Amino acid sequence: MTANTIHQSEFSLGTLFDLLTHPHRRYILYHLQTMDGETITFSALIDAVCERVDASCEHLETDFRHTHLPKLADHTLIEYDARSETIRFRGGDRVETVVEFARSEEEPD
């Protein structure tokens, strides 16, 4: 986390929706939500998301490192340790509900 970290209880539902506007952030959260709080490596997350989106893995690596993971971590939706390259979903009831709804709409059974 950085000095700009915002606790989940401090941001609005609109902010959460804003965080979910980018498909790469949604797919990050979709995958992490299935991990039941377990830590995943950066490379494993890239592999998982790369299979689901129309982008090169190299492009995802850059965007994830410099944009998406720090933004999600700043809003405490994830724990991201850039040094060890590990990520964990932090969720929370409101976040989990909204992410699950978004997933069900985007990936119907």
C-alpha atoms as a PDB file:
ATOM      1  CA  MET A   1       0.000   0.000   0.000  1.00  0.00           C
ATOM      2  CA  THR A   2       1.048   3.529  -0.582  1.00  0.00           C
ATOM      3  CA  ALA A   3       0.649   6.762   1.296  1.00  0.00           C
ATOM      4  CA  ASN A   4      -2.422   7.430  -0.878  1.00  0.00           C
ATOM      5  CA  THR A   5      -4.238   4.329   0.376  1.00  0.00           C
ATOM      6  CA  ILE A   6      -7.982   4.788   0.801  1.00  0.00           C
ATOM      7  CA  HIS A   7      -9.814   2.474   3.184  1.00  0.00           C
ATOM      8  CA  GLN A   8     -12.829   0.717   1.625  1.00  0.00           C
ATOM      9  CA  SER A   9     -15.229   2.337   4.063  1.00  0.00           C
ATOM     10  CA  GLU A  10     -14.020   5.760   2.893  1.00  0.00           C
ATOM     11  CA  PHE A  11     -14.925   5.466  -0.775  1.00  0.00           C
ATOM     12  CA  SER A  12     -18.307   5.605  -2.421  1.00  0.00           C
ATOM     13  CA  LEU A  13     -20.152   3.041  -4.464  1.00  0.00           C
ATOM     14  CA  GLY A  14     -19.434   5.332  -7.430  1.00  0.00           C
ATOM     15  CA  THR A  15     -15.711   4.924  -6.794  1.00  0.00           C
ATOM     16  CA  LEU A  16     -16.118   1.153  -6.740  1.00  0.00           C
ATOM     17  CA  PHE A  17     -17.986   1.285 -10.051  1.00  0.00           C
ATOM     18  CA  ASP A  18     -15.238   3.533 -11.444  1.00  0.00           C
ATOM     19  CA  LEU A  19     -12.622   0.965 -10.412  1.00  0.00           C
ATOM     20  CA  LEU A  20     -14.603  -1.695 -12.267  1.00  0.00           C
ATOM     21  CA  THR A  21     -14.926   0.272 -15.505  1.00  0.00           C
ATOM     22  CA  HIS A  22     -11.704  -1.136 -16.925  1.00  0.00           C
ATOM     23  CA  PRO A  23     -12.089  -4.771 -18.006  1.00  0.00           C
ATOM     24  CA  HIS A  24      -8.572  -5.698 -16.895  1.00  0.00           C
ATOM     25  CA  ARG A  25      -9.321  -4.597 -13.319  1.00  0.00           C
ATOM     26  CA  ARG A  26     -12.573  -6.569 -13.391  1.00  0.00           C
ATOM     27  CA  TYR A  27     -10.772  -9.708 -14.556  1.00  0.00           C
ATOM     28  CA  ILE A  28      -8.116  -9.232 -11.884  1.00  0.00           C
ATOM     29  CA  LEU A  29     -10.829  -9.086  -9.231  1.00  0.00           C
ATOM     30  CA  TYR A  30     -12.842 -11.949 -10.752  1.00  0.00           C
ATOM     31  CA  HIS A  31      -9.812 -14.199 -10.583  1.00  0.00           C
ATOM     32  CA  LEU A  32      -8.645 -13.105  -7.148  1.00  0.00           C
ATOM     33  CA  GLN A  33     -12.131 -13.524  -5.711  1.00  0.00           C
ATOM     34  CA  THR A  34     -11.993 -17.227  -6.574  1.00  0.00           C
ATOM     35  CA  MET A  35      -8.746 -17.627  -4.605  1.00  0.00           C
ATOM     36  CA  ASP A  36     -10.502 -17.581  -1.186  1.00  0.00           C
ATOM     37  CA  GLY A  37      -7.983 -15.160   0.287  1.00  0.00           C
ATOM     38  CA  GLU A  38      -4.955 -17.084  -0.946  1.00  0.00           C
ATOM     39  CA  THR A  39      -1.966 -15.237  -2.388  1.00  0.00           C
ATOM     40  CA  ILE A  40      -1.184 -15.516  -6.095  1.00  0.00           C
ATOM     41  CA  THR A  41       2.020 -14.607  -7.877  1.00  0.00           C
ATOM     42  CA  PHE A  42       2.141 -11.807 -10.394  1.00  0.00           C
ATOM     43  CA  SER A  43       3.037 -14.216 -13.215  1.00  0.00           C
ATOM     44  CA  ALA A  44       0.174 -16.591 -12.351  1.00  0.00           C
ATOM     45  CA  LEU A  45      -2.283 -13.680 -12.346  1.00  0.00           C
ATOM     46  CA  ILE A  46      -0.983 -12.487 -15.724  1.00  0.00           C
ATOM     47  CA  ASP A  47      -1.394 -15.993 -17.152  1.00  0.00           C
ATOM     48  CA  ALA A  48      -4.948 -16.295 -15.809  1.00  0.00           C
ATOM     49  CA  VAL A  49      -6.090 -12.910 -17.117  1.00  0.00           C
ATOM     50  CA  CYS A  50      -4.203 -13.189 -20.421  1.00  0.00           C
ATOM     51  CA  GLU A  51      -6.319 -16.233 -21.283  1.00  0.00           C
ATOM     52  CA  ARG A  52      -9.501 -14.179 -20.887  1.00  0.00           C
ATOM     53  CA  VAL A  53      -8.738 -10.860 -22.598  1.00  0.00           C
ATOM     54  CA  ASP A  54      -7.683  -9.717 -26.027  1.00  0.00           C
ATOM     55  CA  ALA A  55      -4.273  -8.303 -25.114  1.00  0.00           C
ATOM     56  CA  SER A  56      -0.698  -9.491 -25.141  1.00  0.00           C
ATOM     57  CA  CYS A  57       0.716 -10.776 -21.878  1.00  0.00           C
ATOM     58  CA  GLU A  58       3.556  -8.244 -22.160  1.00  0.00           C
ATOM     59  CA  HIS A  59       1.037  -5.403 -22.416  1.00  0.00           C
ATOM     60  CA  LEU A  60      -0.829  -6.751 -19.385  1.00  0.00           C
ATOM     61  CA  GLU A  61       2.378  -6.984 -17.351  1.00  0.00           C
ATOM     62  CA  THR A  62       3.129  -3.315 -17.910  1.00  0.00           C
ATOM     63  CA  ASP A  63      -0.430  -2.139 -17.289  1.00  0.00           C
ATOM     64  CA  PHE A  64      -0.841  -4.297 -14.195  1.00  0.00           C
ATOM     65  CA  ARG A  65       2.438  -3.181 -12.603  1.00  0.00           C
ATOM     66  CA  HIS A  66       2.094   0.515 -13.300  1.00  0.00           C
ATOM     67  CA  THR A  67      -1.650   1.119 -13.302  1.00  0.00           C
ATOM     68  CA  HIS A  68      -4.171  -1.517 -12.309  1.00  0.00           C
ATOM     69  CA  LEU A  69      -2.590  -3.279  -9.314  1.00  0.00           C
ATOM     70  CA  PRO A  70      -1.448  -0.051  -7.620  1.00  0.00           C
ATOM     71  CA  LYS A  71      -4.896   1.511  -8.165  1.00  0.00           C
ATOM     72  CA  LEU A  72      -6.706  -1.506  -6.685  1.00  0.00           C
ATOM     73  CA  ALA A  73      -4.227  -1.610  -3.787  1.00  0.00           C
ATOM     74  CA  ASP A  74      -4.623   2.120  -3.099  1.00  0.00           C
ATOM     75  CA  HIS A  75      -8.353   1.480  -2.633  1.00  0.00           C
ATOM     76  CA  THR A  76      -7.638  -1.617  -0.471  1.00  0.00           C
ATOM     77  CA  LEU A  77      -9.437  -4.026  -2.794  1.00  0.00           C
ATOM     78  CA  ILE A  78      -6.230  -6.060  -2.997  1.00  0.00           C
ATOM     79  CA  GLU A  79      -2.929  -6.454  -1.206  1.00  0.00           C
ATOM     80  CA  TYR A  80      -0.108  -6.029  -3.705  1.00  0.00           C
ATOM     81  CA  ASP A  81       3.521  -6.533  -2.762  1.00  0.00           C
ATOM     82  CA  ALA A  82       5.555  -5.341  -5.735  1.00  0.00           C
ATOM     83  CA  ARG A  83       8.790  -6.601  -4.205  1.00  0.00           C
ATOM     84  CA  SER A  84       7.657 -10.217  -3.801  1.00  0.00           C
ATOM     85  CA  GLU A  85       5.222  -9.919  -6.735  1.00  0.00           C
ATOM     86  CA  THR A  86       2.308 -11.354  -4.775  1.00  0.00           C
ATOM     87  CA  ILE A  87      -1.326 -10.323  -4.814  1.00  0.00           C
ATOM     88  CA  ARG A  88      -4.291 -11.172  -2.577  1.00  0.00           C
ATOM     89  CA  PHE A  89      -7.967 -10.183  -2.755  1.00  0.00           C
ATOM     90  CA  ARG A  90      -9.127  -8.161   0.254  1.00  0.00           C
ATOM     91  CA  GLY A  91     -12.729  -7.767  -0.776  1.00  0.00           C
ATOM     92  CA  GLY A  92     -15.216  -6.953   1.894  1.00  0.00           C
ATOM     93  CA  ASP A  93     -18.942  -7.612   1.735  1.00  0.00           C
ATOM     94  CA  ARG A  94     -19.844  -4.691  -0.524  1.00  0.00           C
ATOM     95  CA  VAL A  95     -16.930  -5.290  -2.889  1.00  0.00           C
ATOM     96  CA  GLU A  96     -17.570  -9.023  -3.110  1.00  0.00           C
ATOM     97  CA  THR A  97     -21.264  -8.467  -3.853  1.00  0.00           C
ATOM     98  CA  VAL A  98     -20.589  -5.948  -6.623  1.00  0.00           C
ATOM     99  CA  VAL A  99     -17.747  -7.998  -8.151  1.00  0.00           C
ATOM    100  CA  GLU A 100     -19.873 -11.149  -8.119  1.00  0.00           C
ATOM    101  CA  PHE A 101     -22.760  -9.280  -9.761  1.00  0.00           C
ATOM    102  CA  ALA A 102     -20.448  -7.866 -12.449  1.00  0.00           C
ATOM    103  CA  ARG A 103     -19.014 -11.319 -13.115  1.00  0.00           C
ATOM    104  CA  SER A 104     -22.488 -12.880 -13.417  1.00  0.00           C
ATOM    105  CA  GLU A 105     -23.470 -10.226 -15.959  1.00  0.00           C
ATOM    106  CA  GLU A 106     -20.233 -10.450 -17.932  1.00  0.00           C
ATOM    107  CA  GLU A 107     -19.798 -14.228 -17.759  1.00  0.00           C
ATOM    108  CA  PRO A 108     -23.250 -15.792 -17.615  1.00  0.00           C
ATOM    109  CA  ASP A 109     -23.306 -19.553 -17.051  1.00  0.00           C
END
